[in-house]
């Protein structure tokens, strides 16, 4: 099987379920942002040595494929004619709670925040901060899509929580690597 199909040469693509849409559509933009986020988490992983963190990030990448597959599926195509789900997996509260549990564990090891943190702090933290901003864009694009087509709220909630997780993890990796955080303190201009 060849990787290229030539079916998108005129600016259209097929969603999961067969519907063809413009590659500039809100739905394609949303799952494209999720794909970019997943790739950027892969870049961050290549700079991290902690096995538990790597295990968590691998699980998150798996979950992002789940989020992306649902984002690529119009709500009216989620169920097959026989009543079964088209998708083998969907994001649930369990994945959201898992992110919260991981964040709480990292937070216990960090100093409380007193100021905003400037993105940076070594390669792992810098890439995680960039992933956090991509995650926020992916979240915004799903919210935008939801204004015209229904999106399950768990998808938006998952990305919202994931961006928080990536922020906390960036701080945690800075601490692990003895890299100081830089603060945005308006009083110290």
Protein backbone atom coordinates (compact mmCIF):
# COMPACT_ATOMS: atom_id res chain seq x y z
CA UNK A 1 0.00 0.00 0.00
CA UNK A 2 1.36 3.42 -0.96
CA UNK A 3 1.30 6.25 1.56
CA UNK A 4 0.02 8.73 -1.01
CA UNK A 5 -3.52 8.46 -2.37
CA UNK A 6 -3.75 11.68 -4.41
CA UNK A 7 -7.34 12.13 -3.15
CA UNK A 8 -6.38 15.32 -1.33
CA UNK A 9 -4.66 17.02 -4.22
CA UNK A 10 -7.53 19.49 -4.65
CA UNK A 11 -7.65 20.60 -1.01
CA UNK A 12 -10.18 18.14 0.36
CA UNK A 13 -9.84 15.22 2.74
CA UNK A 14 -12.07 12.47 4.09
CA UNK A 15 -13.18 12.48 7.69
CA UNK A 16 -13.59 9.28 9.65
CA UNK A 17 -16.92 7.98 8.35
CA UNK A 18 -16.29 9.06 4.75
CA UNK A 19 -17.52 12.67 4.58
CA UNK A 20 -15.26 14.83 2.39
CA UNK A 21 -14.44 18.34 3.60
CA UNK A 22 -12.03 21.16 2.87
CA UNK A 23 -8.62 20.81 4.46
CA UNK A 24 -9.24 24.34 5.78
CA UNK A 25 -12.33 23.27 7.75
CA UNK A 26 -12.55 23.79 11.51
CA UNK A 27 -12.65 20.03 12.06
CA UNK A 28 -9.48 19.36 10.06
CA UNK A 29 -7.77 22.30 11.77
CA UNK A 30 -8.67 20.89 15.19
CA UNK A 31 -7.30 17.40 14.62
CA UNK A 32 -4.28 18.87 12.83
CA UNK A 33 -3.48 20.88 15.95
CA UNK A 34 -3.86 17.73 18.06
CA UNK A 35 -1.46 15.91 15.72
CA UNK A 36 1.05 18.76 15.99
CA UNK A 37 0.78 18.63 19.78
CA UNK A 38 1.41 14.89 19.75
CA UNK A 39 4.53 15.39 17.62
CA UNK A 40 5.82 18.12 19.89
CA UNK A 41 5.38 15.89 22.93
CA UNK A 42 7.51 13.37 21.03
CA UNK A 43 10.22 16.03 20.68
CA UNK A 44 10.04 16.77 24.42
CA UNK A 45 10.32 13.04 25.19
CA UNK A 46 13.59 12.87 23.27
CA UNK A 47 15.12 15.21 25.91
CA UNK A 48 13.73 13.49 29.03
CA UNK A 49 15.42 10.68 30.94
CA UNK A 50 12.94 10.05 33.78
CA UNK A 51 11.26 6.68 33.10
CA UNK A 52 8.03 7.52 34.95
CA UNK A 53 7.62 10.79 33.04
CA UNK A 54 8.33 9.00 29.76
CA UNK A 55 5.69 6.39 30.63
CA UNK A 56 3.15 9.15 31.28
CA UNK A 57 3.98 10.99 28.07
CA UNK A 58 3.66 7.78 26.04
CA UNK A 59 0.19 7.26 27.54
CA UNK A 60 -0.70 10.88 26.71
CA UNK A 61 0.44 10.42 23.11
CA UNK A 62 -1.78 7.34 22.89
CA UNK A 63 -4.68 9.34 24.34
CA UNK A 64 -4.06 12.17 21.87
CA UNK A 65 -4.54 9.70 19.00
CA UNK A 66 -7.86 8.85 20.64
CA UNK A 67 -8.79 12.54 20.91
CA UNK A 68 -7.70 13.13 17.31
CA UNK A 69 -9.71 10.21 15.95
CA UNK A 70 -12.83 11.54 17.62
CA UNK A 71 -12.09 15.09 16.44
CA UNK A 72 -11.88 13.65 12.90
CA UNK A 73 -15.32 12.03 13.24
CA UNK A 74 -18.52 14.06 12.88
CA UNK A 75 -20.92 13.37 15.74
CA UNK A 76 -23.49 11.88 13.38
CA UNK A 77 -20.87 9.32 12.28
CA UNK A 78 -19.79 8.22 15.78
CA UNK A 79 -22.29 5.35 15.75
CA UNK A 80 -22.50 2.71 13.05
CA UNK A 81 -25.82 1.60 11.55
CA UNK A 82 -25.75 -1.50 13.78
CA UNK A 83 -25.66 0.73 16.90
CA UNK A 84 -22.02 0.08 17.76
CA UNK A 85 -19.44 2.82 18.20
CA UNK A 86 -17.32 3.57 15.12
CA UNK A 87 -14.39 4.31 17.44
CA UNK A 88 -12.85 1.58 19.59
CA UNK A 89 -11.87 4.13 22.28
CA UNK A 90 -13.03 7.54 23.46
CA UNK A 91 -11.63 9.86 26.11
CA UNK A 92 -13.48 9.65 29.41
CA UNK A 93 -13.29 11.19 32.87
CA UNK A 94 -10.78 8.45 33.78
CA UNK A 95 -8.10 9.94 31.50
CA UNK A 96 -8.81 13.44 32.82
CA UNK A 97 -8.54 12.23 36.42
CA UNK A 98 -5.29 10.46 35.57
CA UNK A 99 -3.77 13.77 34.43
CA UNK A 100 -4.94 15.40 37.66
CA UNK A 101 -3.37 12.63 39.76
CA UNK A 102 -0.04 12.97 37.95
CA UNK A 103 -0.11 16.77 38.33
CA UNK A 104 -0.84 16.55 42.04
CA UNK A 105 2.13 14.20 42.52
CA UNK A 106 4.48 16.60 40.70
CA UNK A 107 3.05 19.64 42.48
CA UNK A 108 3.87 18.15 45.88
CA UNK A 109 7.56 18.28 44.90
CA UNK A 110 7.53 21.88 43.63
CA UNK A 111 7.75 25.25 45.29
CA UNK A 112 4.43 27.14 45.25
CA UNK A 113 4.06 29.62 42.40
CA UNK A 114 4.39 33.28 43.32
CA UNK A 115 4.84 34.77 39.84
CA UNK A 116 4.25 33.81 36.26
CA UNK A 117 7.07 31.70 34.84
CA UNK A 118 8.87 32.64 31.65
CA UNK A 119 8.85 29.67 29.27
CA UNK A 120 12.27 28.04 29.36
CA UNK A 121 14.36 26.17 31.90
CA UNK A 122 16.45 23.81 29.78
CA UNK A 123 15.55 21.73 26.73
CA UNK A 124 12.94 19.41 28.28
CA UNK A 125 11.09 22.26 30.00
CA UNK A 126 11.31 24.52 26.95
CA UNK A 127 9.81 21.88 24.69
CA UNK A 128 7.10 21.13 27.27
CA UNK A 129 6.21 24.83 27.48
CA UNK A 130 5.94 24.93 23.68
CA UNK A 131 3.76 21.79 23.77
CA UNK A 132 1.58 23.53 26.37
CA UNK A 133 0.95 26.46 24.01
CA UNK A 134 0.18 24.08 21.13
CA UNK A 135 -2.22 22.27 23.46
CA UNK A 136 -3.99 25.55 24.21
CA UNK A 137 -4.32 26.16 20.45
CA UNK A 138 -5.72 22.66 19.97
CA UNK A 139 -8.20 23.33 22.76
CA UNK A 140 -9.25 26.66 21.20
CA UNK A 141 -9.73 24.99 17.83
CA UNK A 142 -12.02 22.34 19.38
CA UNK A 143 -13.99 25.08 21.15
CA UNK A 144 -14.29 26.90 17.80
CA UNK A 145 -15.45 23.68 16.11
CA UNK A 146 -17.98 23.16 18.91
CA UNK A 147 -19.60 26.48 18.02
CA UNK A 148 -20.78 25.02 14.71
CA UNK A 149 -20.63 21.23 15.21
CA UNK A 150 -21.06 19.29 18.41
CA UNK A 151 -17.90 18.11 20.18
CA UNK A 152 -18.10 15.89 23.24
CA UNK A 153 -17.17 18.06 26.26
CA UNK A 154 -14.67 15.45 27.49
CA UNK A 155 -12.38 16.26 24.55
CA UNK A 156 -12.19 19.95 25.42
CA UNK A 157 -11.83 19.16 29.12
CA UNK A 158 -9.01 16.69 28.42
CA UNK A 159 -7.01 19.25 26.43
CA UNK A 160 -7.63 21.90 29.08
CA UNK A 161 -6.28 19.59 31.76
CA UNK A 162 -3.41 18.43 29.55
CA UNK A 163 -2.13 21.98 29.10
CA UNK A 164 -2.06 22.33 32.91
CA UNK A 165 -0.21 19.01 33.15
CA UNK A 166 2.38 20.14 30.60
CA UNK A 167 2.97 23.34 32.59
CA UNK A 168 3.47 21.45 35.84
CA UNK A 169 5.67 18.88 34.11
CA UNK A 170 7.83 21.65 32.61
CA UNK A 171 8.39 22.97 36.13
CA UNK A 172 9.08 19.48 37.43
CA UNK A 173 11.65 18.68 34.73
CA UNK A 174 13.40 21.99 35.46
CA UNK A 175 13.67 20.93 39.08
CA UNK A 176 14.90 17.43 38.16
CA UNK A 177 17.63 18.94 35.98
CA UNK A 178 18.57 21.67 38.50
CA UNK A 179 17.59 24.35 36.01
CA UNK A 180 16.31 27.55 37.61
CA UNK A 181 12.93 28.96 36.68
CA UNK A 182 12.80 32.54 35.50
CA UNK A 183 9.90 34.64 36.74
CA UNK A 184 7.87 37.41 35.25
CA UNK A 185 7.82 39.82 38.16
CA UNK A 186 6.50 43.21 37.03
CA UNK A 187 8.24 44.82 40.03
CA UNK A 188 11.69 43.77 38.78
CA UNK A 189 11.77 45.29 35.34
